[in-house]
Amino acid sequence: KPKPSEYRLYVGGKFVTFRVPEGHGDWEHVCA
């Protein structure tokens, strides 16, 4: 998670970015 509004998934050294709303200070569940 490079910043509150982004998740990155790396596979074999390359990545894709998923832009997300900033959390509201709650648990975040992620599956990739």
PDB file of all heavy atoms in Angstrom:
ATOM      1  N   LYS A   1       0.848  -1.192   0.000  1.00  0.00           N
ATOM      2  CA  LYS A   1       0.000   0.000   0.000  1.00  0.00           C
ATOM      3  C   LYS A   1       0.883   1.241   0.000  1.00  0.00           C
ATOM      4  O   LYS A   1       1.368   1.670   1.042  1.00  0.00           O
ATOM      5  CB  LYS A   1      -0.917  -0.027   1.225  1.00  0.00           C
ATOM      6  CG  LYS A   1      -2.136   0.848   1.003  1.00  0.00           C
ATOM      7  CD  LYS A   1      -3.256   0.603   1.982  1.00  0.00           C
ATOM      8  CE  LYS A   1      -4.430   1.483   1.573  1.00  0.00           C
ATOM      9  NZ  LYS A   1      -5.388   1.722   2.618  1.00  0.00           N
ATOM     10  N   PRO A   2       1.131   1.835  -1.190  1.00  0.00           N
ATOM     11  CA  PRO A   2       2.033   2.992  -1.242  1.00  0.00           C
ATOM     12  C   PRO A   2       1.448   4.239  -0.598  1.00  0.00           C
ATOM     13  O   PRO A   2       2.169   5.075  -0.079  1.00  0.00           O
ATOM     14  CB  PRO A   2       2.263   3.229  -2.735  1.00  0.00           C
ATOM     15  CG  PRO A   2       1.259   2.420  -3.458  1.00  0.00           C
ATOM     16  CD  PRO A   2       0.676   1.409  -2.515  1.00  0.00           C
ATOM     17  N   LYS A   3       0.123   4.377  -0.624  1.00  0.00           N
ATOM     18  CA  LYS A   3      -0.551   5.510   0.018  1.00  0.00           C
ATOM     19  C   LYS A   3      -1.997   5.123   0.307  1.00  0.00           C
ATOM     20  O   LYS A   3      -2.465   4.096  -0.196  1.00  0.00           O
ATOM     21  CB  LYS A   3      -0.464   6.760  -0.850  1.00  0.00           C
ATOM     22  CG  LYS A   3      -0.966   6.624  -2.255  1.00  0.00           C
ATOM     23  CD  LYS A   3      -0.613   7.895  -3.034  1.00  0.00           C
ATOM     24  CE  LYS A   3      -1.132   7.811  -4.454  1.00  0.00           C
ATOM     25  NZ  LYS A   3      -0.565   8.830  -5.325  1.00  0.00           N
ATOM     26  N   PRO A   4      -2.719   5.934   1.102  1.00  0.00           N
ATOM     27  CA  PRO A   4      -4.054   5.515   1.522  1.00  0.00           C
ATOM     28  C   PRO A   4      -5.031   5.244   0.371  1.00  0.00           C
ATOM     29  O   PRO A   4      -5.972   4.482   0.545  1.00  0.00           O
ATOM     30  CB  PRO A   4      -4.534   6.697   2.376  1.00  0.00           C
ATOM     31  CG  PRO A   4      -3.282   7.305   2.911  1.00  0.00           C
ATOM     32  CD  PRO A   4      -2.269   7.152   1.818  1.00  0.00           C
ATOM     33  N   SER A   5      -4.786   5.811  -0.798  1.00  0.00           N
ATOM     34  CA  SER A   5      -5.742   5.656  -1.900  1.00  0.00           C
ATOM     35  C   SER A   5      -5.282   4.648  -2.959  1.00  0.00           C
ATOM     36  O   SER A   5      -5.794   4.647  -4.070  1.00  0.00           O
ATOM     37  CB  SER A   5      -5.978   7.007  -2.564  1.00  0.00           C
ATOM     38  OG  SER A   5      -4.744   7.500  -3.057  1.00  0.00           O
ATOM     39  N   GLU A   6      -4.309   3.797  -2.616  1.00  0.00           N
ATOM     40  CA  GLU A   6      -3.775   2.855  -3.603  1.00  0.00           C
ATOM     41  C   GLU A   6      -3.347   1.542  -2.975  1.00  0.00           C
ATOM     42  O   GLU A   6      -2.783   1.538  -1.882  1.00  0.00           O
ATOM     43  CB  GLU A   6      -2.512   3.435  -4.268  1.00  0.00           C
ATOM     44  CG  GLU A   6      -2.756   4.178  -5.545  1.00  0.00           C
ATOM     45  CD  GLU A   6      -1.457   4.711  -6.152  1.00  0.00           C
ATOM     46  OE1 GLU A   6      -0.392   4.077  -6.021  1.00  0.00           O
ATOM     47  OE2 GLU A   6      -1.523   5.787  -6.733  1.00  0.00           O
ATOM     48  N   TYR A   7      -3.615   0.468  -3.694  1.00  0.00           N
ATOM     49  CA  TYR A   7      -2.992  -0.825  -3.397  1.00  0.00           C
ATOM     50  C   TYR A   7      -2.219  -1.251  -4.636  1.00  0.00           C
ATOM     51  O   TYR A   7      -2.646  -0.981  -5.757  1.00  0.00           O
ATOM     52  CB  TYR A   7      -4.036  -1.901  -3.103  1.00  0.00           C
ATOM     53  CG  TYR A   7      -4.599  -1.861  -1.707  1.00  0.00           C
ATOM     54  CD1 TYR A   7      -5.748  -1.124  -1.422  1.00  0.00           C
ATOM     55  CD2 TYR A   7      -4.004  -2.576  -0.667  1.00  0.00           C
ATOM     56  CE1 TYR A   7      -6.273  -1.100  -0.140  1.00  0.00           C
ATOM     57  CE2 TYR A   7      -4.529  -2.561   0.612  1.00  0.00           C
ATOM     58  CZ  TYR A   7      -5.668  -1.825   0.874  1.00  0.00           C
ATOM     59  OH  TYR A   7      -6.183  -1.798   2.134  1.00  0.00           O
ATOM     60  N   ARG A   8      -1.110  -1.939  -4.405  1.00  0.00           N
ATOM     61  CA  ARG A   8      -0.343  -2.495  -5.512  1.00  0.00           C
ATOM     62  C   ARG A   8      -0.226  -3.995  -5.340  1.00  0.00           C
ATOM     63  O   ARG A   8       0.084  -4.470  -4.241  1.00  0.00           O
ATOM     64  CB  ARG A   8       1.070  -1.929  -5.526  1.00  0.00           C
ATOM     65  CG  ARG A   8       1.195  -0.655  -6.293  1.00  0.00           C
ATOM     66  CD  ARG A   8       2.659  -0.259  -6.344  1.00  0.00           C
ATOM     67  NE  ARG A   8       2.764   1.152  -6.661  1.00  0.00           N
ATOM     68  CZ  ARG A   8       3.875   1.851  -6.546  1.00  0.00           C
ATOM     69  NH1 ARG A   8       4.987   1.262  -6.104  1.00  0.00           N
ATOM     70  NH2 ARG A   8       3.892   3.127  -6.857  1.00  0.00           N
ATOM     71  N   LEU A   9      -0.419  -4.714  -6.440  1.00  0.00           N
ATOM     72  CA  LEU A   9      -0.162  -6.145  -6.455  1.00  0.00           C
ATOM     73  C   LEU A   9       1.026  -6.401  -7.376  1.00  0.00           C
ATOM     74  O   LEU A   9       0.991  -6.032  -8.554  1.00  0.00           O
ATOM     75  CB  LEU A   9      -1.386  -6.905  -6.969  1.00  0.00           C
ATOM     76  CG  LEU A   9      -1.156  -8.405  -7.222  1.00  0.00           C
ATOM     77  CD1 LEU A   9      -0.859  -9.144  -5.926  1.00  0.00           C
ATOM     78  CD2 LEU A   9      -2.340  -9.023  -7.948  1.00  0.00           C
ATOM     79  N   TYR A  10       2.066  -7.007  -6.814  1.00  0.00           N
ATOM     80  CA  TYR A  10       3.241  -7.406  -7.593  1.00  0.00           C
ATOM     81  C   TYR A  10       3.183  -8.903  -7.864  1.00  0.00           C
ATOM     82  O   TYR A  10       2.853  -9.682  -6.967  1.00  0.00           O
ATOM     83  CB  TYR A  10       4.537  -7.160  -6.812  1.00  0.00           C
ATOM     84  CG  TYR A  10       4.973  -5.734  -6.667  1.00  0.00           C
ATOM     85  CD1 TYR A  10       4.334  -4.881  -5.778  1.00  0.00           C
ATOM     86  CD2 TYR A  10       6.075  -5.252  -7.370  1.00  0.00           C
ATOM     87  CE1 TYR A  10       4.773  -3.564  -5.609  1.00  0.00           C
ATOM     88  CE2 TYR A  10       6.515  -3.948  -7.208  1.00  0.00           C
ATOM     89  CZ  TYR A  10       5.864  -3.115  -6.326  1.00  0.00           C
ATOM     90  OH  TYR A  10       6.288  -1.825  -6.151  1.00  0.00           O
ATOM     91  N   VAL A  11       3.531  -9.282  -9.090  1.00  0.00           N
ATOM     92  CA  VAL A  11       3.762 -10.687  -9.433  1.00  0.00           C
ATOM     93  C   VAL A  11       5.061 -10.735 -10.225  1.00  0.00           C
ATOM     94  O   VAL A  11       5.198 -10.049 -11.243  1.00  0.00           O
ATOM     95  CB  VAL A  11       2.606 -11.268 -10.284  1.00  0.00           C
ATOM     96  CG1 VAL A  11       2.911 -12.707 -10.688  1.00  0.00           C
ATOM     97  CG2 VAL A  11       1.289 -11.198  -9.526  1.00  0.00           C
ATOM     98  N   GLY A  12       6.033 -11.491  -9.728  1.00  0.00           N
ATOM     99  CA  GLY A  12       7.302 -11.624 -10.435  1.00  0.00           C
ATOM    100  C   GLY A  12       7.994 -10.299 -10.705  1.00  0.00           C
ATOM    101  O   GLY A  12       8.603 -10.105 -11.749  1.00  0.00           O
ATOM    102  N   GLY A  13       7.890  -9.360  -9.749  1.00  0.00           N
ATOM    103  CA  GLY A  13       8.612  -8.087  -9.851  1.00  0.00           C
ATOM    104  C   GLY A  13       7.898  -6.985 -10.613  1.00  0.00           C
ATOM    105  O   GLY A  13       8.299  -5.836 -10.576  1.00  0.00           O
ATOM    106  N   LYS A  14       6.803  -7.317 -11.337  1.00  0.00           N
ATOM    107  CA  LYS A  14       5.999  -6.301 -12.031  1.00  0.00           C
ATOM    108  C   LYS A  14       4.742  -6.037 -11.201  1.00  0.00           C
ATOM    109  O   LYS A  14       4.290  -6.923 -10.476  1.00  0.00           O
ATOM    110  CB  LYS A  14       5.586  -6.795 -13.417  1.00  0.00           C
ATOM    111  CG  LYS A  14       6.730  -7.245 -14.320  1.00  0.00           C
ATOM    112  CD  LYS A  14       7.263  -6.079 -15.107  1.00  0.00           C
ATOM    113  CE  LYS A  14       8.124  -6.409 -16.304  1.00  0.00           C
ATOM    114  NZ  LYS A  14       9.069  -7.502 -16.176  1.00  0.00           N
ATOM    115  N   PHE A  15       4.167  -4.822 -11.336  1.00  0.00           N
ATOM    116  CA  PHE A  15       2.980  -4.560 -10.516  1.00  0.00           C
ATOM    117  C   PHE A  15       1.873  -3.866 -11.293  1.00  0.00           C
ATOM    118  O   PHE A  15       2.105  -3.252 -12.334  1.00  0.00           O
ATOM    119  CB  PHE A  15       3.344  -3.746  -9.264  1.00  0.00           C
ATOM    120  CG  PHE A  15       3.743  -2.315  -9.526  1.00  0.00           C
ATOM    121  CD1 PHE A  15       2.795  -1.306  -9.585  1.00  0.00           C
ATOM    122  CD2 PHE A  15       5.083  -1.970  -9.691  1.00  0.00           C
ATOM    123  CE1 PHE A  15       3.163   0.012  -9.808  1.00  0.00           C
ATOM    124  CE2 PHE A  15       5.465  -0.653  -9.922  1.00  0.00           C
ATOM    125  CZ  PHE A  15       4.496   0.339  -9.980  1.00  0.00           C
ATOM    126  N   VAL A  16       0.663  -3.989 -10.749  1.00  0.00           N
ATOM    127  CA  VAL A  16      -0.477  -3.190 -11.190  1.00  0.00           C
ATOM    128  C   VAL A  16      -1.003  -2.436  -9.965  1.00  0.00           C
ATOM    129  O   VAL A  16      -0.847  -2.897  -8.829  1.00  0.00           O
ATOM    130  CB  VAL A  16      -1.614  -4.038 -11.812  1.00  0.00           C
ATOM    131  CG1 VAL A  16      -1.236  -4.480 -13.215  1.00  0.00           C
ATOM    132  CG2 VAL A  16      -1.988  -5.224 -10.944  1.00  0.00           C
ATOM    133  N   THR A  17      -1.593  -1.282 -10.215  1.00  0.00           N
ATOM    134  CA  THR A  17      -2.096  -0.419  -9.142  1.00  0.00           C
ATOM    135  C   THR A  17      -3.616  -0.399  -9.169  1.00  0.00           C
ATOM    136  O   THR A  17      -4.217  -0.263 -10.236  1.00  0.00           O
ATOM    137  CB  THR A  17      -1.563   1.015  -9.333  1.00  0.00           C
ATOM    138  OG1 THR A  17      -0.131   0.975  -9.274  1.00  0.00           O
ATOM    139  CG2 THR A  17      -2.084   1.954  -8.251  1.00  0.00           C
ATOM    140  N   PHE A  18      -4.208  -0.538  -8.005  1.00  0.00           N
ATOM    141  CA  PHE A  18      -5.663  -0.409  -7.858  1.00  0.00           C
ATOM    142  C   PHE A  18      -5.938   0.819  -7.004  1.00  0.00           C
ATOM    143  O   PHE A  18      -5.483   0.899  -5.860  1.00  0.00           O
ATOM    144  CB  PHE A  18      -6.246  -1.672  -7.213  1.00  0.00           C
ATOM    145  CG  PHE A  18      -6.065  -2.897  -8.057  1.00  0.00           C
ATOM    146  CD1 PHE A  18      -4.954  -3.722  -7.887  1.00  0.00           C
ATOM    147  CD2 PHE A  18      -6.982  -3.224  -9.043  1.00  0.00           C
ATOM    148  CE1 PHE A  18      -4.771  -4.850  -8.676  1.00  0.00           C
ATOM    149  CE2 PHE A  18      -6.809  -4.355  -9.835  1.00  0.00           C
ATOM    150  CZ  PHE A  18      -5.696  -5.164  -9.651  1.00  0.00           C
ATOM    151  N   ARG A  19      -6.641   1.788  -7.601  1.00  0.00           N
ATOM    152  CA  ARG A  19      -6.936   3.025  -6.873  1.00  0.00           C
ATOM    153  C   ARG A  19      -8.234   2.848  -6.101  1.00  0.00           C
ATOM    154  O   ARG A  19      -9.228   2.400  -6.660  1.00  0.00           O
ATOM    155  CB  ARG A  19      -7.037   4.188  -7.862  1.00  0.00           C
ATOM    156  CG  ARG A  19      -5.665   4.562  -8.376  1.00  0.00           C
ATOM    157  CD  ARG A  19      -5.636   5.547  -9.522  1.00  0.00           C
ATOM    158  NE  ARG A  19      -4.276   5.612 -10.059  1.00  0.00           N
ATOM    159  CZ  ARG A  19      -3.789   4.747 -10.943  1.00  0.00           C
ATOM    160  NH1 ARG A  19      -4.547   3.771 -11.411  1.00  0.00           N
ATOM    161  NH2 ARG A  19      -2.541   4.853 -11.352  1.00  0.00           N
ATOM    162  N   VAL A  20      -8.192   3.189  -4.828  1.00  0.00           N
ATOM    163  CA  VAL A  20      -9.324   2.924  -3.938  1.00  0.00           C
ATOM    164  C   VAL A  20      -9.686   4.191  -3.170  1.00  0.00           C
ATOM    165  O   VAL A  20      -8.861   5.095  -3.051  1.00  0.00           O
ATOM    166  CB  VAL A  20      -8.975   1.794  -2.930  1.00  0.00           C
ATOM    167  CG1 VAL A  20      -8.647   0.503  -3.669  1.00  0.00           C
ATOM    168  CG2 VAL A  20      -7.824   2.186  -2.016  1.00  0.00           C
ATOM    169  N   PRO A  21     -10.925   4.269  -2.657  1.00  0.00           N
ATOM    170  CA  PRO A  21     -11.236   5.412  -1.789  1.00  0.00           C
ATOM    171  C   PRO A  21     -10.414   5.304  -0.504  1.00  0.00           C
ATOM    172  O   PRO A  21     -10.122   4.188  -0.063  1.00  0.00           O
ATOM    173  CB  PRO A  21     -12.729   5.238  -1.466  1.00  0.00           C
ATOM    174  CG  PRO A  21     -13.178   4.003  -2.143  1.00  0.00           C
ATOM    175  CD  PRO A  21     -12.026   3.327  -2.792  1.00  0.00           C
ATOM    176  N   GLU A  22     -10.038   6.432   0.053  1.00  0.00           N
ATOM    177  CA  GLU A  22      -9.304   6.382   1.319  1.00  0.00           C
ATOM    178  C   GLU A  22     -10.212   5.791   2.387  1.00  0.00           C
ATOM    179  O   GLU A  22     -11.390   6.102   2.454  1.00  0.00           O
ATOM    180  CB  GLU A  22      -8.838   7.779   1.724  1.00  0.00           C
ATOM    181  CG  GLU A  22      -7.713   8.254   0.834  1.00  0.00           C
ATOM    182  CD  GLU A  22      -6.943   9.432   1.417  1.00  0.00           C
ATOM    183  OE1 GLU A  22      -6.961   9.610   2.649  1.00  0.00           O
ATOM    184  OE2 GLU A  22      -6.329  10.165   0.621  1.00  0.00           O
ATOM    185  N   GLY A  23      -9.630   4.939   3.229  1.00  0.00           N
ATOM    186  CA  GLY A  23     -10.408   4.272   4.273  1.00  0.00           C
ATOM    187  C   GLY A  23     -10.914   5.258   5.309  1.00  0.00           C
ATOM    188  O   GLY A  23     -10.437   6.380   5.412  1.00  0.00           O
ATOM    189  N   HIS A  24     -11.880   4.789   6.079  1.00  0.00           N
ATOM    190  CA  HIS A  24     -12.445   5.644   7.142  1.00  0.00           C
ATOM    191  C   HIS A  24     -11.950   5.189   8.500  1.00  0.00           C
ATOM    192  O   HIS A  24     -12.685   5.129   9.461  1.00  0.00           O
ATOM    193  CB  HIS A  24     -13.969   5.589   7.083  1.00  0.00           C
ATOM    194  CG  HIS A  24     -14.520   6.032   5.773  1.00  0.00           C
ATOM    195  ND1 HIS A  24     -14.363   7.318   5.309  1.00  0.00           N
ATOM    196  CD2 HIS A  24     -15.199   5.366   4.808  1.00  0.00           C
ATOM    197  CE1 HIS A  24     -14.929   7.424   4.106  1.00  0.00           C
ATOM    198  NE2 HIS A  24     -15.434   6.249   3.781  1.00  0.00           N
ATOM    199  N   GLY A  25     -10.677   4.803   8.548  1.00  0.00           N
ATOM    200  CA  GLY A  25     -10.113   4.366   9.824  1.00  0.00           C
ATOM    201  C   GLY A  25     -10.782   3.105  10.325  1.00  0.00           C
ATOM    202  O   GLY A  25     -11.049   2.970  11.508  1.00  0.00           O
ATOM    203  N   ASP A  26     -11.078   2.182   9.413  1.00  0.00           N
ATOM    204  CA  ASP A  26     -11.722   0.935   9.794  1.00  0.00           C
ATOM    205  C   ASP A  26     -10.895  -0.227   9.239  1.00  0.00           C
ATOM    206  O   ASP A  26      -9.961  -0.028   8.477  1.00  0.00           O
ATOM    207  CB  ASP A  26     -13.145   0.898   9.215  1.00  0.00           C
ATOM    208  CG  ASP A  26     -14.078   0.096  10.104  1.00  0.00           C
ATOM    209  OD1 ASP A  26     -13.592  -0.729  10.898  1.00  0.00           O
ATOM    210  OD2 ASP A  26     -15.301   0.302   9.998  1.00  0.00           O
ATOM    211  N   TRP A  27     -11.263  -1.449   9.624  1.00  0.00           N
ATOM    212  CA  TRP A  27     -10.643  -2.626   9.042  1.00  0.00           C
ATOM    213  C   TRP A  27     -10.856  -2.612   7.533  1.00  0.00           C
ATOM    214  O   TRP A  27     -11.938  -2.256   7.071  1.00  0.00           O
ATOM    215  CB  TRP A  27     -11.264  -3.896   9.618  1.00  0.00           C
ATOM    216  CG  TRP A  27     -10.755  -4.247  10.979  1.00  0.00           C
ATOM    217  CD1 TRP A  27     -11.306  -3.895  12.175  1.00  0.00           C
ATOM    218  CD2 TRP A  27      -9.598  -5.030  11.285  1.00  0.00           C
ATOM    219  NE1 TRP A  27     -10.555  -4.413  13.203  1.00  0.00           N
ATOM    220  CE2 TRP A  27      -9.512  -5.110  12.690  1.00  0.00           C
ATOM    221  CE3 TRP A  27      -8.621  -5.671  10.512  1.00  0.00           C
ATOM    222  CZ2 TRP A  27      -8.484  -5.804  13.335  1.00  0.00           C
ATOM    223  CZ3 TRP A  27      -7.603  -6.374  11.146  1.00  0.00           C
ATOM    224  CH2 TRP A  27      -7.542  -6.431  12.550  1.00  0.00           C
ATOM    225  N   GLU A  28      -9.832  -2.983   6.779  1.00  0.00           N
ATOM    226  CA  GLU A  28      -9.971  -3.157   5.323  1.00  0.00           C
ATOM    227  C   GLU A  28      -9.647  -4.604   4.984  1.00  0.00           C
ATOM    228  O   GLU A  28      -8.596  -5.118   5.390  1.00  0.00           O
ATOM    229  CB  GLU A  28      -9.017  -2.211   4.570  1.00  0.00           C
ATOM    230  CG  GLU A  28      -9.445  -0.769   4.661  1.00  0.00           C
ATOM    231  CD  GLU A  28      -8.695   0.160   3.704  1.00  0.00           C
ATOM    232  OE1 GLU A  28      -7.779  -0.295   2.980  1.00  0.00           O
ATOM    233  OE2 GLU A  28      -9.033   1.359   3.700  1.00  0.00           O
ATOM    234  N   HIS A  29     -10.557  -5.232   4.275  1.00  0.00           N
ATOM    235  CA  HIS A  29     -10.324  -6.609   3.840  1.00  0.00           C
ATOM    236  C   HIS A  29      -9.961  -6.584   2.361  1.00  0.00           C
ATOM    237  O   HIS A  29     -10.701  -6.029   1.551  1.00  0.00           O
ATOM    238  CB  HIS A  29     -11.576  -7.458   4.054  1.00  0.00           C
ATOM    239  CG  HIS A  29     -11.367  -8.895   3.688  1.00  0.00           C
ATOM    240  ND1 HIS A  29     -11.712  -9.406   2.457  1.00  0.00           N
ATOM    241  CD2 HIS A  29     -10.823  -9.927   4.377  1.00  0.00           C
ATOM    242  CE1 HIS A  29     -11.386 -10.696   2.417  1.00  0.00           C
ATOM    243  NE2 HIS A  29     -10.847 -11.036   3.557  1.00  0.00           N
ATOM    244  N   VAL A  30      -8.819  -7.167   2.013  1.00  0.00           N
ATOM    245  CA  VAL A  30      -8.412  -7.214   0.611  1.00  0.00           C
ATOM    246  C   VAL A  30      -8.144  -8.652   0.185  1.00  0.00           C
ATOM    247  O   VAL A  30      -7.639  -9.462   0.970  1.00  0.00           O
ATOM    248  CB  VAL A  30      -7.154  -6.350   0.318  1.00  0.00           C
ATOM    249  CG1 VAL A  30      -7.447  -4.885   0.543  1.00  0.00           C
ATOM    250  CG2 VAL A  30      -5.970  -6.790   1.136  1.00  0.00           C
ATOM    251  N   CYS A  31      -8.524  -8.944  -1.045  1.00  0.00           N
ATOM    252  CA  CYS A  31      -8.148 -10.193  -1.691  1.00  0.00           C
ATOM    253  C   CYS A  31      -7.593  -9.837  -3.059  1.00  0.00           C
ATOM    254  O   CYS A  31      -8.156  -8.988  -3.758  1.00  0.00           O
ATOM    255  CB  CYS A  31      -9.347 -11.115  -1.903  1.00  0.00           C
ATOM    256  SG  CYS A  31      -9.948 -11.934  -0.422  1.00  0.00           S
ATOM    257  N   ALA A  32      -6.493 -10.485  -3.414  1.00  0.00           N
ATOM    258  CA  ALA A  32      -5.928 -10.296  -4.749  1.00  0.00           C
ATOM    259  C   ALA A  32      -5.685 -11.667  -5.342  1.00  0.00           C
ATOM    260  O   ALA A  32      -5.158 -12.556  -4.659  1.00  0.00           O
ATOM    261  CB  ALA A  32      -4.617  -9.527  -4.668  1.00  0.00           C
TER     262      ALA A  32
END
